[in-house]
Amino acid sequence: MAPPVRETFVELGGKRVPVRLYRNTRARRIILRINDRNGNGDGVSVTLPRRTPLREGLDLIHEKAAWVLERLWAGGTSSLPPPVPPGFW
C-alpha cells in the first residue's frame, strides 16, 4: 500500500483514534477499515477516490463512530479474529 496522504487523530467517544488517509485512483467509493496489526485495534484506515476531499473521509469516521469503537475496543480488546498466518492458504 502507498504511504498515507495524511495521518491524524479523531476523538470518538472520548478516545483518541489514530487515522491514516490514503488515495487510490482505482477506488470508486470511500473504504473504512480497522487497523489491527498488533491485535489491539491500532486505529482506522480510510481509502479515498482520487477527487474526494479528505474531509469526507473524516466525516465518514464520525458517522460510523459506534461501529469503529465497537471493533477497536470491544470489551477492552480487539474484536477482530487473529490474523491468518503467512502460507495458511
C-alpha atoms as a PDB file:
ATOM      1  CA  MET A   1       0.000   0.000   0.000  1.00  0.00           C
ATOM      2  CA  ALA A   2       1.231   3.506  -0.787  1.00  0.00           C
ATOM      3  CA  PRO A   3       2.198   5.805   2.077  1.00  0.00           C
ATOM      4  CA  PRO A   4      -0.724   7.667   3.643  1.00  0.00           C
ATOM      5  CA  VAL A   5      -1.664  11.068   2.284  1.00  0.00           C
ATOM      6  CA  ARG A   6      -2.298  12.198   5.849  1.00  0.00           C
ATOM      7  CA  GLU A   7      -2.000  10.784   9.362  1.00  0.00           C
ATOM      8  CA  THR A   8      -4.075  12.364  12.092  1.00  0.00           C
ATOM      9  CA  PHE A   9      -6.266  11.597  15.113  1.00  0.00           C
ATOM     10  CA  VAL A  10     -10.011  11.910  15.726  1.00  0.00           C
ATOM     11  CA  GLU A  11     -11.896  11.961  19.019  1.00  0.00           C
ATOM     12  CA  LEU A  12     -14.559   9.248  19.227  1.00  0.00           C
ATOM     13  CA  GLY A  13     -16.412   8.565  22.450  1.00  0.00           C
ATOM     14  CA  GLY A  14     -13.721  10.317  24.472  1.00  0.00           C
ATOM     15  CA  LYS A  15     -10.951   8.218  22.920  1.00  0.00           C
ATOM     16  CA  ARG A  16      -8.220   9.426  20.600  1.00  0.00           C
ATOM     17  CA  VAL A  17      -8.218   7.228  17.486  1.00  0.00           C
ATOM     18  CA  PRO A  18      -5.286   7.270  15.023  1.00  0.00           C
ATOM     19  CA  VAL A  19      -6.362   7.713  11.393  1.00  0.00           C
ATOM     20  CA  ARG A  20      -4.464   7.101   8.154  1.00  0.00           C
ATOM     21  CA  LEU A  21      -5.953   8.559   4.971  1.00  0.00           C
ATOM     22  CA  TYR A  22      -4.940   7.091   1.603  1.00  0.00           C
ATOM     23  CA  ARG A  23      -5.736   7.936  -2.014  1.00  0.00           C
ATOM     24  CA  ASN A  24      -6.358   5.274  -4.633  1.00  0.00           C
ATOM     25  CA  THR A  25      -7.021   6.211  -8.253  1.00  0.00           C
ATOM     26  CA  ARG A  26      -8.947   2.960  -8.768  1.00  0.00           C
ATOM     27  CA  ALA A  27     -11.245   3.439  -5.746  1.00  0.00           C
ATOM     28  CA  ARG A  28     -14.874   4.246  -6.594  1.00  0.00           C
ATOM     29  CA  ARG A  29     -16.101   4.785  -3.040  1.00  0.00           C
ATOM     30  CA  ILE A  30     -14.702   5.575   0.387  1.00  0.00           C
ATOM     31  CA  ILE A  31     -13.391   2.486   2.195  1.00  0.00           C
ATOM     32  CA  LEU A  32     -13.203   2.416   6.000  1.00  0.00           C
ATOM     33  CA  ARG A  33     -11.031  -0.269   7.640  1.00  0.00           C
ATOM     34  CA  ILE A  34      -9.919  -1.061  11.159  1.00  0.00           C
ATOM     35  CA  ASN A  35      -6.136  -1.407  11.524  1.00  0.00           C
ATOM     36  CA  ASP A  36      -5.316  -4.321  13.777  1.00  0.00           C
ATOM     37  CA  ARG A  37      -1.725  -5.278  13.083  1.00  0.00           C
ATOM     38  CA  ASN A  38      -0.852  -5.674  16.769  1.00  0.00           C
ATOM     39  CA  GLY A  39      -4.070  -7.388  17.832  1.00  0.00           C
ATOM     40  CA  ASN A  40      -5.112  -4.359  19.871  1.00  0.00           C
ATOM     41  CA  GLY A  41      -7.015  -2.190  17.396  1.00  0.00           C
ATOM     42  CA  ASP A  42      -4.407   0.386  16.479  1.00  0.00           C
ATOM     43  CA  GLY A  43      -6.580   2.809  14.504  1.00  0.00           C
ATOM     44  CA  VAL A  44      -8.507   3.345  11.306  1.00  0.00           C
ATOM     45  CA  SER A  45      -7.541   3.494   7.618  1.00  0.00           C
ATOM     46  CA  VAL A  46      -9.648   5.368   5.085  1.00  0.00           C
ATOM     47  CA  THR A  47      -9.107   4.964   1.335  1.00  0.00           C
ATOM     48  CA  LEU A  48     -10.458   7.795  -0.799  1.00  0.00           C
ATOM     49  CA  PRO A  49     -11.121   8.026  -4.525  1.00  0.00           C
ATOM     50  CA  ARG A  50      -8.877  10.474  -6.361  1.00  0.00           C
ATOM     51  CA  ARG A  51     -11.082  13.589  -6.194  1.00  0.00           C
ATOM     52  CA  THR A  52     -12.818  13.003  -2.871  1.00  0.00           C
ATOM     53  CA  PRO A  53     -11.964  15.647  -0.242  1.00  0.00           C
ATOM     54  CA  LEU A  54     -10.126  14.397   2.864  1.00  0.00           C
ATOM     55  CA  ARG A  55     -12.920  15.930   4.958  1.00  0.00           C
ATOM     56  CA  GLU A  56     -15.390  13.362   3.558  1.00  0.00           C
ATOM     57  CA  GLY A  57     -13.207  10.534   4.839  1.00  0.00           C
ATOM     58  CA  LEU A  58     -13.047  12.102   8.294  1.00  0.00           C
ATOM     59  CA  ASP A  59     -16.809  12.714   8.245  1.00  0.00           C
ATOM     60  CA  LEU A  60     -17.395   9.013   7.490  1.00  0.00           C
ATOM     61  CA  ILE A  61     -15.381   8.045  10.583  1.00  0.00           C
ATOM     62  CA  HIS A  62     -17.616  10.250  12.731  1.00  0.00           C
ATOM     63  CA  GLU A  63     -20.785   8.854  11.082  1.00  0.00           C
ATOM     64  CA  LYS A  64     -19.624   5.304  11.848  1.00  0.00           C
ATOM     65  CA  ALA A  65     -18.175   6.133  15.292  1.00  0.00           C
ATOM     66  CA  ALA A  66     -20.181   3.455  17.126  1.00  0.00           C
ATOM     67  CA  TRP A  67     -19.055   0.789  14.638  1.00  0.00           C
ATOM     68  CA  VAL A  68     -15.419   1.900  14.834  1.00  0.00           C
ATOM     69  CA  LEU A  69     -15.340   1.953  18.641  1.00  0.00           C
ATOM     70  CA  GLU A  70     -17.102  -1.407  18.890  1.00  0.00           C
ATOM     71  CA  ARG A  71     -14.445  -3.027  16.735  1.00  0.00           C
ATOM     72  CA  LEU A  72     -11.457  -1.248  18.229  1.00  0.00           C
ATOM     73  CA  TRP A  73     -12.261  -1.698  21.909  1.00  0.00           C
ATOM     74  CA  ALA A  74     -14.900  -4.366  22.342  1.00  0.00           C
ATOM     75  CA  GLY A  75     -14.526  -5.438  25.948  1.00  0.00           C
ATOM     76  CA  GLY A  76     -11.098  -3.818  26.222  1.00  0.00           C
ATOM     77  CA  THR A  77      -9.563  -5.875  23.411  1.00  0.00           C
ATOM     78  CA  SER A  78      -9.938  -6.026  19.687  1.00  0.00           C
ATOM     79  CA  SER A  79     -12.956  -7.947  18.436  1.00  0.00           C
ATOM     80  CA  LEU A  80     -11.177  -8.973  15.249  1.00  0.00           C
ATOM     81  CA  PRO A  81     -10.130 -12.583  14.797  1.00  0.00           C
ATOM     82  CA  PRO A  82      -6.387 -13.268  14.906  1.00  0.00           C
ATOM     83  CA  PRO A  83      -4.559 -12.674  11.623  1.00  0.00           C
ATOM     84  CA  VAL A  84      -4.145 -15.602   9.274  1.00  0.00           C
ATOM     85  CA  PRO A  85      -0.534 -16.800   9.372  1.00  0.00           C
ATOM     86  CA  PRO A  86       1.502 -16.484   6.141  1.00  0.00           C
ATOM     87  CA  GLY A  87       1.255 -19.586   3.986  1.00  0.00           C
ATOM     88  CA  PHE A  88      -2.007 -20.712   5.624  1.00  0.00           C
ATOM     89  CA  TRP A  89      -3.849 -20.809   2.305  1.00  0.00           C
END
